[in-house]
Amino acid sequence: MIGFSNLDSLICLCGARNRFGALAFAGGEGGRPAYTAEDLARAVKAVKITGDKNAEIKSLIADSRRVAPSSAFFAVSGFTTDGNIFVEEAAHRGAVAVVSEKPCPKYFPAAWIQVESMPAALPAAAKSFYASPDESLKTFGVTGTNGKTSVTWMLQAILNASGQKCGVIGTIHYDLGGRCLPASRTTPDALELHAMLSQMRNCSCKAAAMEISSHAIAQKRAYGVHLDCACFLNLTQDHMDYHKTMESYFETKASMFTGGLGSLPKNAVINFDDPYGRRIAERLDPSVRLASFGIESADAQIRAENLKLLPGLSEFELVWPGGRAKASIKMPGHYNVSNALAALAMTYASGGDVGRAVEALKNFRGVPGRMQKVSGPADFDIFVDYAHTDDALKNGLSMLRKVVKNRLLVVFGCGGKRDRSKRAKMTKVVQEYADIAWATSDNPRGEPIARIFGDMKEGVVDPARIAFVEDRRRAINLAIDCAAKGDCILIAGKGHETFQELGDTIIPFDDKRVAEELLNLKGLV
């Protein structure tokens, strides 16, 4: 079965808004106009519509298993299967319309809406069905290889503190204003995304902070969402299995600022410390307002000066066109100061109170799985972090190297069926900064661990300081057994994740919880 939408049940339960903005839980109730197959065909610019044009549509579904009566089923061709295989099943389950790139089969019992391009049809349908929820919210889109989650969470804290209720869509969860749902991927597909924005609007949110991945841009998942503010953080090697080259990766990211989502953002917030950011700034349309930020860049509009980096605190002086203020965040590291600057720059660009935002960040408690300290013994520290690229590892390890009293111990792995070219680089970075390391499984996803380890071993510089241990729990256990007074252990790669992907099986696995369990068993807490 094709599995594009995991929010369809939520959509059906909570309802949607029709094209006039009225709530349409069952469509047409109380004199409200129903949303019909003809309305949908018009929205997606159908090549042809066959069957009952007046069929009433109450939900948009891209997973045949979740089709409910009065649904419109989108027969999407995915990476592993073709949704057109399941159109008869969808009709049997009660779908009143099918959207497909293929012509209508003979004697099909539901309306058939043929489209030229499914990637274009999905966002067009969602925007129409949910009555453009993005236009009712102040929308912030954040892209970059590293830091997206931290920045969106910081921005949410700033906006909530100012009285502007803000939803979040990203890697850890989807905060819709009235409920939080676990995230299945960083940026959901177009049907889910617009459904989420609709729920935020229904729950009185005034803003939405969204992580927008390069995959989402390329696959048009966020297409049609107009951004009040688009933010670029950084670009380092990742996803080469998908983008093939760094230049292709960059072009995908850059397109978010030049119309790649279907329209230009009102504001562009750009990291001037990153050379790719400066390239994007040079391409901006004159109608897009630029707000630059940086730590090393004297020409950036929003800057951090006089940095003081401590183990659990970063202090700096914020400089922006409106003034100066003493700022601090309860998060360590140069890169987290850069993340804070991004959130503050978006506040500035969108007309917010920067001084008030600075005060809000002083109370920000951080992000789960982002350099998160594990409760443990008093004589050594354990941190869990999501770092899964060589650049992210370098940022985290270089920060810890400056504050650790004794040895730096690292447990890390590389995901299966992902960019193989970064594996040796990750190992090399770990060997550069760590005293001892344990390479282990991350999310193998069906790729043989021996092959993953083979790629990683190409980055080994000193074999005596690294061990390859297939079982992740055992690797963490070995690191804890090795730790002495003044040491610091970093468990990297999975961060907030509470599972591990082994082939077609997903098993519970939480780095933080596993570390705490092992410490308890050893009587170290």
Protein backbone atom coordinates (compact mmCIF):
# COMPACT_ATOMS: atom_id res chain seq x y z
CA MET A 1 0.00 0.00 0.00
CA ILE A 2 1.21 3.49 -0.68
CA GLY A 3 1.79 5.39 2.54
CA PHE A 4 2.00 9.11 1.90
CA SER A 5 -0.31 10.48 4.60
CA ASN A 6 -0.37 9.58 8.27
CA LEU A 7 -2.69 12.42 9.21
CA ASP A 8 -5.71 11.38 7.22
CA SER A 9 -7.57 10.17 10.31
CA LEU A 10 -6.87 13.51 11.95
CA ILE A 11 -8.15 15.31 8.87
CA CYS A 12 -11.36 13.28 8.90
CA LEU A 13 -11.90 13.78 12.63
CA CYS A 14 -11.11 17.46 12.78
CA GLY A 15 -12.57 18.48 9.46
CA ALA A 16 -11.34 21.03 6.94
CA ARG A 17 -12.36 24.35 5.55
CA ASN A 18 -13.99 24.56 2.19
CA ARG A 19 -13.05 27.09 -0.47
CA PHE A 20 -15.11 29.79 1.27
CA GLY A 21 -13.33 29.30 4.59
CA ALA A 22 -16.29 27.71 6.38
CA LEU A 23 -15.75 24.61 8.46
CA ALA A 24 -16.72 21.57 6.44
CA PHE A 25 -16.75 18.58 8.79
CA ALA A 26 -19.33 16.84 6.67
CA GLY A 27 -19.63 19.32 3.86
CA GLY A 28 -22.62 21.44 3.07
CA GLU A 29 -24.03 21.40 6.60
CA GLY A 30 -25.96 24.41 7.82
CA GLY A 31 -26.24 25.86 4.33
CA ARG A 32 -22.47 25.86 3.73
CA PRO A 33 -21.48 24.94 0.16
CA ALA A 34 -20.05 21.45 -0.26
CA TYR A 35 -16.68 20.88 -1.89
CA THR A 36 -17.26 18.80 -5.00
CA ALA A 37 -15.28 16.75 -7.49
CA GLU A 38 -15.76 19.58 -9.97
CA ASP A 39 -14.22 22.03 -7.47
CA LEU A 40 -11.27 19.70 -7.09
CA ALA A 41 -10.89 19.25 -10.84
CA ARG A 42 -10.84 23.01 -11.27
CA ALA A 43 -8.23 23.45 -8.54
CA VAL A 44 -5.84 20.89 -10.06
CA LYS A 45 -6.44 22.08 -13.64
CA ALA A 46 -7.63 18.66 -14.67
CA VAL A 47 -6.97 17.32 -18.14
CA LYS A 48 -10.33 15.54 -17.94
CA ILE A 49 -12.98 14.69 -15.38
CA THR A 50 -15.17 11.60 -15.74
CA GLY A 51 -18.10 10.54 -13.59
CA ASP A 52 -20.15 12.43 -10.99
CA LYS A 53 -18.85 16.02 -10.95
CA ASN A 54 -21.14 16.87 -8.05
CA ALA A 55 -19.79 14.17 -5.74
CA GLU A 56 -19.19 15.74 -2.34
CA ILE A 57 -15.62 15.49 -1.04
CA LYS A 58 -14.95 15.55 2.70
CA SER A 59 -11.27 14.57 2.86
CA LEU A 60 -8.15 14.28 0.72
CA ILE A 61 -6.28 10.99 1.02
CA ALA A 62 -3.04 9.67 -0.49
CA ASP A 63 -2.99 6.30 1.28
CA SER A 64 -5.56 3.75 0.14
CA ARG A 65 -5.60 2.16 3.61
CA ARG A 66 -6.96 5.36 5.10
CA VAL A 67 -9.67 6.06 2.56
CA ALA A 68 -13.01 6.84 4.21
CA PRO A 69 -16.45 7.50 2.69
CA SER A 70 -16.54 10.70 0.63
CA SER A 71 -12.77 10.84 0.22
CA ALA A 72 -10.81 11.93 -2.80
CA PHE A 73 -7.97 9.46 -3.32
CA PHE A 74 -4.72 10.62 -4.94
CA ALA A 75 -3.06 7.79 -6.85
CA VAL A 76 0.54 8.84 -6.24
CA SER A 77 3.45 6.95 -7.78
CA GLY A 78 5.89 6.56 -4.89
CA PHE A 79 9.44 5.24 -4.67
CA THR A 80 8.35 1.67 -3.97
CA THR A 81 4.85 1.31 -5.40
CA ASP A 82 2.23 2.94 -7.64
CA GLY A 83 -0.95 4.29 -6.08
CA ASN A 84 -2.88 3.46 -9.26
CA ILE A 85 -2.74 -0.19 -8.19
CA PHE A 86 -5.08 0.67 -5.33
CA VAL A 87 -7.77 2.78 -7.04
CA GLU A 88 -10.34 -0.04 -6.96
CA GLU A 89 -9.65 -0.63 -3.28
CA ALA A 90 -10.08 3.12 -2.67
CA ALA A 91 -13.44 3.12 -4.44
CA HIS A 92 -14.50 0.06 -2.46
CA ARG A 93 -13.66 1.89 0.76
CA GLY A 94 -15.85 4.82 -0.22
CA ALA A 95 -13.73 7.20 -2.27
CA VAL A 96 -16.01 9.35 -4.44
CA ALA A 97 -13.17 10.67 -6.59
CA VAL A 98 -9.75 9.54 -7.76
CA VAL A 99 -7.00 11.87 -8.93
CA SER A 100 -4.47 10.25 -11.25
CA GLU A 101 -2.11 11.01 -14.09
CA LYS A 102 -3.59 8.03 -15.96
CA PRO A 103 -6.83 7.96 -17.99
CA CYS A 104 -10.00 6.65 -16.39
CA PRO A 105 -10.45 2.87 -16.67
CA LYS A 106 -13.71 1.55 -18.09
CA TYR A 107 -16.76 1.39 -15.82
CA PHE A 108 -15.00 3.02 -12.86
CA PRO A 109 -17.61 3.69 -10.13
CA ALA A 110 -16.25 7.02 -8.83
CA ALA A 111 -15.39 10.36 -10.37
CA TRP A 112 -12.01 10.25 -12.12
CA ILE A 113 -9.88 13.40 -12.32
CA GLN A 114 -6.98 13.06 -14.71
CA VAL A 115 -4.09 15.49 -14.17
CA GLU A 116 -0.94 16.22 -16.09
CA SER A 117 1.34 16.25 -13.04
CA MET A 118 0.65 14.73 -9.63
CA PRO A 119 3.41 16.74 -7.87
CA ALA A 120 1.67 19.91 -9.06
CA ALA A 121 -1.84 18.60 -8.34
CA LEU A 122 -1.24 17.70 -4.68
CA PRO A 123 -0.39 21.21 -3.39
CA ALA A 124 -3.01 22.83 -5.63
CA ALA A 125 -5.70 20.50 -4.29
CA ALA A 126 -4.64 20.95 -0.68
CA LYS A 127 -4.49 24.74 -0.93
CA SER A 128 -7.96 24.83 -2.47
CA PHE A 129 -9.58 22.29 -0.13
CA TYR A 130 -8.20 23.90 3.03
CA ALA A 131 -8.87 27.45 1.79
CA SER A 132 -5.25 28.68 1.79
CA PRO A 133 -4.49 28.34 5.52
CA ASP A 134 -1.00 29.80 5.02
CA GLU A 135 -2.60 33.15 4.21
CA SER A 136 -4.17 33.25 7.68
CA LEU A 137 -0.81 32.71 9.41
CA LYS A 138 2.53 34.45 9.58
CA THR A 139 4.67 31.77 7.97
CA PHE A 140 8.37 31.13 8.61
CA GLY A 141 10.30 28.55 6.56
CA VAL A 142 13.76 27.47 7.70
CA THR A 143 16.17 25.51 5.52
CA GLY A 144 19.79 24.43 5.89
CA THR A 145 21.79 21.29 6.54
CA ASN A 146 22.07 21.78 10.30
CA GLY A 147 20.13 23.71 12.93
CA LYS A 148 16.60 23.78 11.47
CA THR A 149 14.96 22.21 14.51
CA SER A 150 16.73 24.42 17.04
CA VAL A 151 15.89 27.57 15.10
CA THR A 152 12.18 26.76 14.68
CA TRP A 153 11.89 25.89 18.37
CA MET A 154 13.64 29.13 19.35
CA LEU A 155 11.36 31.11 17.06
CA GLN A 156 8.29 29.44 18.54
CA ALA A 157 9.47 30.39 22.04
CA ILE A 158 9.96 33.99 20.93
CA LEU A 159 6.56 34.26 19.25
CA ASN A 160 4.69 32.52 22.06
CA ALA A 161 6.28 34.89 24.58
CA SER A 162 5.05 37.84 22.51
CA GLY A 163 1.47 36.54 22.53
CA GLN A 164 1.57 35.18 18.97
CA LYS A 165 0.67 31.52 19.31
CA CYS A 166 2.97 29.62 16.97
CA GLY A 167 2.75 26.10 15.59
CA VAL A 168 5.80 24.08 14.54
CA ILE A 169 6.34 21.57 11.76
CA GLY A 170 9.65 19.76 11.84
CA THR A 171 11.87 16.81 12.60
CA ILE A 172 10.80 16.12 16.19
CA HIS A 173 7.07 16.75 16.14
CA TYR A 174 4.18 18.63 14.58
CA ASP A 175 2.80 21.13 17.09
CA LEU A 176 -0.58 22.14 15.67
CA GLY A 177 -1.59 24.49 18.46
CA GLY A 178 -4.07 22.14 20.07
CA ARG A 179 -2.10 18.89 19.94
CA CYS A 180 1.36 17.55 19.13
CA LEU A 181 1.90 14.62 16.79
CA PRO A 182 5.14 12.67 16.32
CA ALA A 183 6.87 13.59 13.09
CA SER A 184 7.22 10.97 10.39
CA ARG A 185 9.58 13.17 8.39
CA THR A 186 10.91 16.73 8.56
CA THR A 187 8.51 18.26 6.03
CA PRO A 188 5.28 16.33 5.36
CA ASP A 189 3.70 16.00 1.93
CA ALA A 190 1.43 18.71 0.55
CA LEU A 191 -1.86 17.19 1.76
CA GLU A 192 -0.55 16.76 5.30
CA LEU A 193 1.18 20.14 5.36
CA HIS A 194 -1.92 22.12 4.40
CA ALA A 195 -4.04 20.03 6.77
CA MET A 196 -1.64 20.93 9.57
CA LEU A 197 -1.69 24.62 8.72
CA SER A 198 -5.49 24.44 8.68
CA GLN A 199 -5.47 22.89 12.14
CA MET A 200 -3.15 25.63 13.38
CA ARG A 201 -5.57 28.24 12.04
CA ASN A 202 -8.50 26.45 13.67
CA CYS A 203 -6.59 26.38 16.98
CA SER A 204 -6.03 30.16 16.92
CA CYS A 205 -2.38 30.06 15.95
CA LYS A 206 -1.06 33.30 14.51
CA ALA A 207 2.17 31.90 13.09
CA ALA A 208 3.80 28.71 11.83
CA ALA A 209 7.51 27.87 12.01
CA MET A 210 8.39 25.18 9.48
CA GLU A 211 11.49 23.18 8.73
CA ILE A 212 11.71 22.86 4.96
CA SER A 213 14.10 20.16 3.79
CA SER A 214 15.79 19.97 0.41
CA HIS A 215 13.76 16.83 -0.35
CA ALA A 216 10.56 18.77 0.36
CA ILE A 217 11.59 21.57 -2.00
CA ALA A 218 12.56 19.16 -4.78
CA GLN A 219 9.41 17.07 -4.37
CA LYS A 220 7.12 20.12 -4.11
CA ARG A 221 5.82 19.13 -0.68
CA ALA A 222 5.81 22.77 0.43
CA TYR A 223 4.84 24.14 -2.97
CA GLY A 224 2.10 26.75 -2.80
CA VAL A 225 2.88 27.79 0.79
CA HIS A 226 3.66 31.49 0.75
CA LEU A 227 6.40 32.44 3.20
CA ASP A 228 6.45 35.69 5.09
CA CYS A 229 10.02 34.85 6.00
CA ALA A 230 12.42 32.32 4.43
CA CYS A 231 15.61 31.58 6.36
CA PHE A 232 18.86 29.99 5.17
CA LEU A 233 21.19 28.61 7.85
CA ASN A 234 24.09 26.74 6.21
CA LEU A 235 25.02 24.13 3.66
CA THR A 236 27.41 21.24 4.22
CA GLN A 237 27.60 17.82 2.63
CA ASP A 238 24.52 15.66 3.14
CA HIS A 239 21.97 13.81 1.01
CA MET A 240 24.43 13.18 -1.82
CA ASP A 241 22.56 9.93 -2.43
CA TYR A 242 19.65 12.12 -3.54
CA HIS A 243 21.18 15.34 -4.91
CA LYS A 244 24.36 13.72 -6.32
CA THR A 245 26.43 16.94 -6.18
CA MET A 246 26.84 19.85 -3.76
CA GLU A 247 25.91 22.26 -6.51
CA SER A 248 22.62 20.46 -7.12
CA TYR A 249 21.99 20.42 -3.37
CA PHE A 250 22.66 24.17 -3.24
CA GLU A 251 20.44 24.95 -6.21
CA THR A 252 17.56 23.12 -4.55
CA LYS A 253 17.98 25.09 -1.32
CA ALA A 254 18.43 28.37 -3.18
CA SER A 255 15.22 27.89 -5.15
CA MET A 256 13.19 28.41 -1.96
CA PHE A 257 14.29 32.05 -2.11
CA THR A 258 13.77 32.54 -5.84
CA GLY A 259 10.28 31.20 -6.43
CA GLY A 260 10.80 27.46 -6.00
CA LEU A 261 7.74 27.24 -3.73
CA GLY A 262 5.54 28.95 -6.30
CA SER A 263 6.04 32.50 -5.04
CA LEU A 264 8.74 34.73 -3.63
CA PRO A 265 9.08 35.12 0.14
CA LYS A 266 8.45 38.57 1.58
CA ASN A 267 11.67 38.44 3.60
CA ALA A 268 14.88 36.46 3.26
CA VAL A 269 16.98 35.87 6.38
CA ILE A 270 20.45 34.76 5.31
CA ASN A 271 23.53 33.55 7.18
CA PHE A 272 26.37 35.71 5.87
CA ASP A 273 28.96 33.51 7.61
CA ASP A 274 28.18 30.81 5.05
CA PRO A 275 29.45 31.44 1.49
CA TYR A 276 26.39 29.68 0.08
CA GLY A 277 24.24 32.18 1.95
CA ARG A 278 25.97 35.07 0.24
CA ARG A 279 25.35 33.43 -3.12
CA ILE A 280 21.64 33.22 -2.34
CA ALA A 281 21.59 36.87 -1.25
CA GLU A 282 23.03 37.89 -4.62
CA ARG A 283 20.13 36.15 -6.39
CA LEU A 284 17.28 37.73 -4.44
CA ASP A 285 14.61 39.59 -6.37
CA PRO A 286 14.57 43.32 -5.48
CA SER A 287 11.09 42.86 -4.01
CA VAL A 288 12.43 40.45 -1.35
CA ARG A 289 13.70 42.22 1.78
CA LEU A 290 17.06 40.91 2.99
CA ALA A 291 17.99 40.52 6.66
CA SER A 292 21.49 39.11 7.10
CA PHE A 293 23.00 37.62 10.25
CA GLY A 294 26.38 36.34 11.31
CA ILE A 295 29.05 36.09 13.95
CA GLU A 296 32.15 36.50 11.80
CA SER A 297 30.62 38.85 9.21
CA ALA A 298 31.02 42.53 10.06
CA ASP A 299 28.60 43.47 7.27
CA ALA A 300 25.74 41.36 8.66
CA GLN A 301 22.77 43.37 9.92
CA ILE A 302 22.20 41.14 12.96
CA ARG A 303 25.43 40.17 14.68
CA ALA A 304 26.76 38.54 17.82
CA GLU A 305 29.76 40.22 19.42
CA ASN A 306 31.84 39.56 22.52
CA LEU A 307 30.97 35.86 22.74
CA LYS A 308 31.51 34.01 26.00
CA LEU A 309 31.01 30.27 25.53
CA LEU A 310 30.57 28.16 28.68
CA PRO A 311 29.68 24.44 29.10
CA GLY A 312 25.95 25.07 29.55
CA LEU A 313 25.60 28.72 28.60
CA SER A 314 26.45 31.05 25.73
CA GLU A 315 26.55 34.80 26.30
CA PHE A 316 26.95 37.47 23.65
CA GLU A 317 26.06 41.02 22.73
CA LEU A 318 23.38 41.24 20.07
CA VAL A 319 23.76 44.05 17.56
CA TRP A 320 20.95 44.91 15.14
CA PRO A 321 19.87 48.04 13.23
CA GLY A 322 17.63 49.03 16.14
CA GLY A 323 20.20 48.79 18.92
CA ARG A 324 22.26 46.52 21.18
CA ALA A 325 21.36 44.11 23.96
CA LYS A 326 23.07 41.58 26.20
CA ALA A 327 21.86 38.13 25.19
CA SER A 328 22.30 34.59 26.43
CA ILE A 329 21.02 31.09 25.72
CA LYS A 330 21.19 28.03 27.94
CA MET A 331 22.84 26.07 25.15
CA PRO A 332 26.55 25.61 24.51
CA GLY A 333 28.48 26.24 21.35
CA HIS A 334 29.25 28.74 18.62
CA TYR A 335 26.73 27.05 16.31
CA ASN A 336 23.89 27.53 18.79
CA VAL A 337 24.67 31.24 18.93
CA SER A 338 24.33 31.25 15.14
CA ASN A 339 20.97 29.45 15.50
CA ALA A 340 19.83 32.07 18.01
CA LEU A 341 20.87 34.83 15.60
CA ALA A 342 18.72 33.22 12.89
CA ALA A 343 15.65 33.25 15.16
CA LEU A 344 16.33 36.82 16.23
CA ALA A 345 16.90 37.90 12.63
CA MET A 346 13.52 36.44 11.62
CA THR A 347 11.96 38.34 14.50
CA TYR A 348 13.56 41.54 13.21
CA ALA A 349 12.62 40.87 9.57
CA SER A 350 8.97 40.22 10.45
CA GLY A 351 8.64 43.41 12.47
CA GLY A 352 8.83 41.85 15.93
CA ASP A 353 10.26 43.31 19.12
CA VAL A 354 13.91 42.19 19.09
CA GLY A 355 14.58 43.30 22.66
CA ARG A 356 11.66 41.25 23.90
CA ALA A 357 12.86 38.31 21.82
CA VAL A 358 16.27 38.46 23.48
CA GLU A 359 14.59 38.13 26.89
CA ALA A 360 12.47 35.20 25.67
CA LEU A 361 15.57 33.28 24.55
CA LYS A 362 17.14 33.64 27.98
CA ASN A 363 14.43 31.29 29.25
CA PHE A 364 14.59 28.87 26.32
CA ARG A 365 15.36 25.38 27.66
CA GLY A 366 16.71 23.79 24.51
CA VAL A 367 15.59 21.04 22.16
CA PRO A 368 15.28 17.30 22.93
CA GLY A 369 18.22 15.39 21.52
CA ARG A 370 20.23 18.49 20.71
CA MET A 371 23.30 18.35 22.95
CA GLN A 372 20.95 17.12 25.69
CA LYS A 373 22.56 16.17 28.96
CA VAL A 374 21.77 12.75 30.42
CA SER A 375 21.07 12.59 34.13
CA GLY A 376 23.95 10.58 35.51
CA PRO A 377 26.96 10.44 37.77
CA ALA A 378 28.63 13.54 39.16
CA ASP A 379 32.13 12.66 37.98
CA PHE A 380 31.55 12.46 34.20
CA ASP A 381 29.05 13.87 31.69
CA ILE A 382 26.95 12.22 28.99
CA PHE A 383 25.31 14.13 26.12
CA VAL A 384 22.94 12.93 23.40
CA ASP A 385 22.97 14.78 20.08
CA TYR A 386 21.36 14.40 16.64
CA ALA A 387 24.62 15.15 14.77
CA HIS A 388 24.66 12.85 11.75
CA THR A 389 26.89 14.73 9.31
CA ASP A 390 30.61 15.42 9.51
CA ASP A 391 29.99 19.15 9.90
CA ALA A 392 27.48 18.69 12.71
CA LEU A 393 29.88 16.30 14.46
CA LYS A 394 32.71 18.78 14.07
CA ASN A 395 30.61 21.57 15.57
CA GLY A 396 29.54 19.49 18.54
CA LEU A 397 32.87 17.82 19.22
CA SER A 398 34.92 21.01 18.87
CA MET A 399 32.61 22.67 21.40
CA LEU A 400 32.90 19.78 23.87
CA ARG A 401 36.67 19.57 23.34
CA LYS A 402 36.97 23.11 24.74
CA VAL A 403 35.09 22.35 27.95
CA VAL A 404 35.83 18.69 28.78
CA LYS A 405 38.16 18.31 31.75
CA ASN A 406 39.63 14.96 30.79
CA ARG A 407 38.84 12.66 27.83
CA LEU A 408 36.18 12.97 25.14
CA LEU A 409 34.50 9.63 24.36
CA VAL A 410 32.18 9.27 21.37
CA VAL A 411 29.59 6.71 20.27
CA PHE A 412 28.40 7.31 16.70
CA GLY A 413 27.09 5.59 13.60
CA CYS A 414 26.07 6.19 9.99
CA GLY A 415 22.59 5.54 8.64
CA GLY A 416 22.00 2.85 6.06
CA LYS A 417 20.72 3.51 2.53
CA ARG A 418 21.82 7.14 2.76
CA ASP A 419 24.75 9.20 1.51
CA ARG A 420 27.72 6.81 1.63
CA SER A 421 30.27 9.49 0.80
CA LYS A 422 29.96 11.18 4.20
CA ARG A 423 30.73 8.06 6.26
CA ALA A 424 34.51 8.19 6.05
CA LYS A 425 34.41 11.95 6.69
CA MET A 426 32.36 11.43 9.85
CA THR A 427 34.86 8.86 11.12
CA LYS A 428 37.77 11.17 10.36
CA VAL A 429 36.17 14.05 12.29
CA VAL A 430 35.49 11.80 15.28
CA GLN A 431 39.08 10.57 15.26
CA GLU A 432 40.31 14.16 15.11
CA TYR A 433 38.44 15.30 18.22
CA ALA A 434 37.71 12.20 20.31
CA ASP A 435 40.15 10.37 22.56
CA ILE A 436 38.26 7.08 22.14
CA ALA A 437 35.34 6.23 19.84
CA TRP A 438 32.90 3.38 19.31
CA ALA A 439 31.45 3.16 15.80
CA THR A 440 28.11 1.38 15.86
CA SER A 441 24.79 0.98 14.10
CA ASP A 442 22.52 3.98 13.62
CA ASN A 443 19.51 3.15 11.44
CA PRO A 444 20.85 0.45 9.07
CA ARG A 445 17.54 0.34 7.14
CA GLY A 446 18.36 -3.02 5.60
CA GLU A 447 21.87 -2.16 4.42
CA PRO A 448 24.44 -4.69 5.69
CA ILE A 449 26.26 -3.26 8.70
CA ALA A 450 29.50 -4.69 7.31
CA ARG A 451 29.19 -2.45 4.26
CA ILE A 452 28.43 0.60 6.42
CA PHE A 453 31.43 -0.17 8.63
CA GLY A 454 33.56 -0.70 5.52
CA ASP A 455 32.80 2.83 4.33
CA MET A 456 33.40 4.27 7.81
CA LYS A 457 36.76 2.51 8.18
CA GLU A 458 38.13 4.47 5.23
CA GLY A 459 38.23 7.47 7.56
CA VAL A 460 40.15 5.72 10.35
CA VAL A 461 43.40 7.48 11.21
CA ASP A 462 44.34 5.69 14.45
CA PRO A 463 42.85 2.16 14.73
CA ALA A 464 43.88 1.93 18.39
CA ARG A 465 41.41 4.66 19.35
CA ILE A 466 38.28 3.32 17.67
CA ALA A 467 36.27 0.10 17.98
CA PHE A 468 33.52 -1.12 15.67
CA VAL A 469 30.63 -2.56 17.68
CA GLU A 470 27.50 -3.62 15.80
CA ASP A 471 25.09 -3.52 18.76
CA ARG A 472 24.36 0.10 19.69
CA ARG A 473 23.36 -0.66 23.28
CA ARG A 474 26.62 -2.55 23.82
CA ALA A 475 28.61 0.34 22.35
CA ILE A 476 26.98 2.78 24.79
CA ASN A 477 27.62 0.32 27.62
CA LEU A 478 31.31 0.07 26.69
CA ALA A 479 31.65 3.86 26.65
CA ILE A 480 30.10 4.15 30.12
CA ASP A 481 32.37 1.39 31.44
CA CYS A 482 35.37 3.24 30.04
CA ALA A 483 34.43 6.66 31.43
CA ALA A 484 36.48 8.08 34.31
CA LYS A 485 36.32 11.23 36.39
CA GLY A 486 36.28 14.38 34.24
CA ASP A 487 35.42 12.52 31.02
CA CYS A 488 32.59 13.41 28.67
CA ILE A 489 30.62 10.93 26.52
CA LEU A 490 28.82 12.09 23.37
CA ILE A 491 26.25 9.67 21.92
CA ALA A 492 25.68 11.04 18.43
CA GLY A 493 23.44 10.41 15.46
CA LYS A 494 19.94 9.72 16.75
CA GLY A 495 19.23 12.52 19.20
CA HIS A 496 15.49 12.71 19.86
CA GLU A 497 14.66 9.50 17.97
CA THR A 498 13.01 6.75 20.01
CA PHE A 499 13.41 3.95 17.48
CA GLN A 500 15.93 2.14 15.32
CA GLU A 501 15.27 1.00 11.74
CA LEU A 502 16.58 -2.51 11.12
CA GLY A 503 15.57 -3.70 7.66
CA ASP A 504 11.79 -3.58 7.49
CA THR A 505 11.53 -3.62 11.28
CA ILE A 506 11.37 -0.65 13.62
CA ILE A 507 12.36 -1.37 17.21
CA PRO A 508 12.23 0.94 20.25
CA PHE A 509 15.59 2.56 20.92
CA ASP A 510 16.17 5.86 22.73
CA ASP A 511 19.82 6.81 23.28
CA LYS A 512 19.03 8.90 26.35
CA ARG A 513 16.84 6.25 27.94
CA VAL A 514 19.31 3.46 27.17
CA ALA A 515 22.13 5.44 28.77
CA GLU A 516 20.01 6.12 31.86
CA GLU A 517 19.05 2.44 32.15
CA LEU A 518 22.68 1.35 31.93
CA LEU A 519 23.72 3.92 34.54
CA ASN A 520 21.00 2.63 36.87
CA LEU A 521 22.08 -0.97 36.39
CA LYS A 522 25.63 0.00 37.27
CA GLY A 523 24.50 1.97 40.33
CA LEU A 524 25.96 5.19 38.95
CA VAL A 525 22.87 7.34 39.62
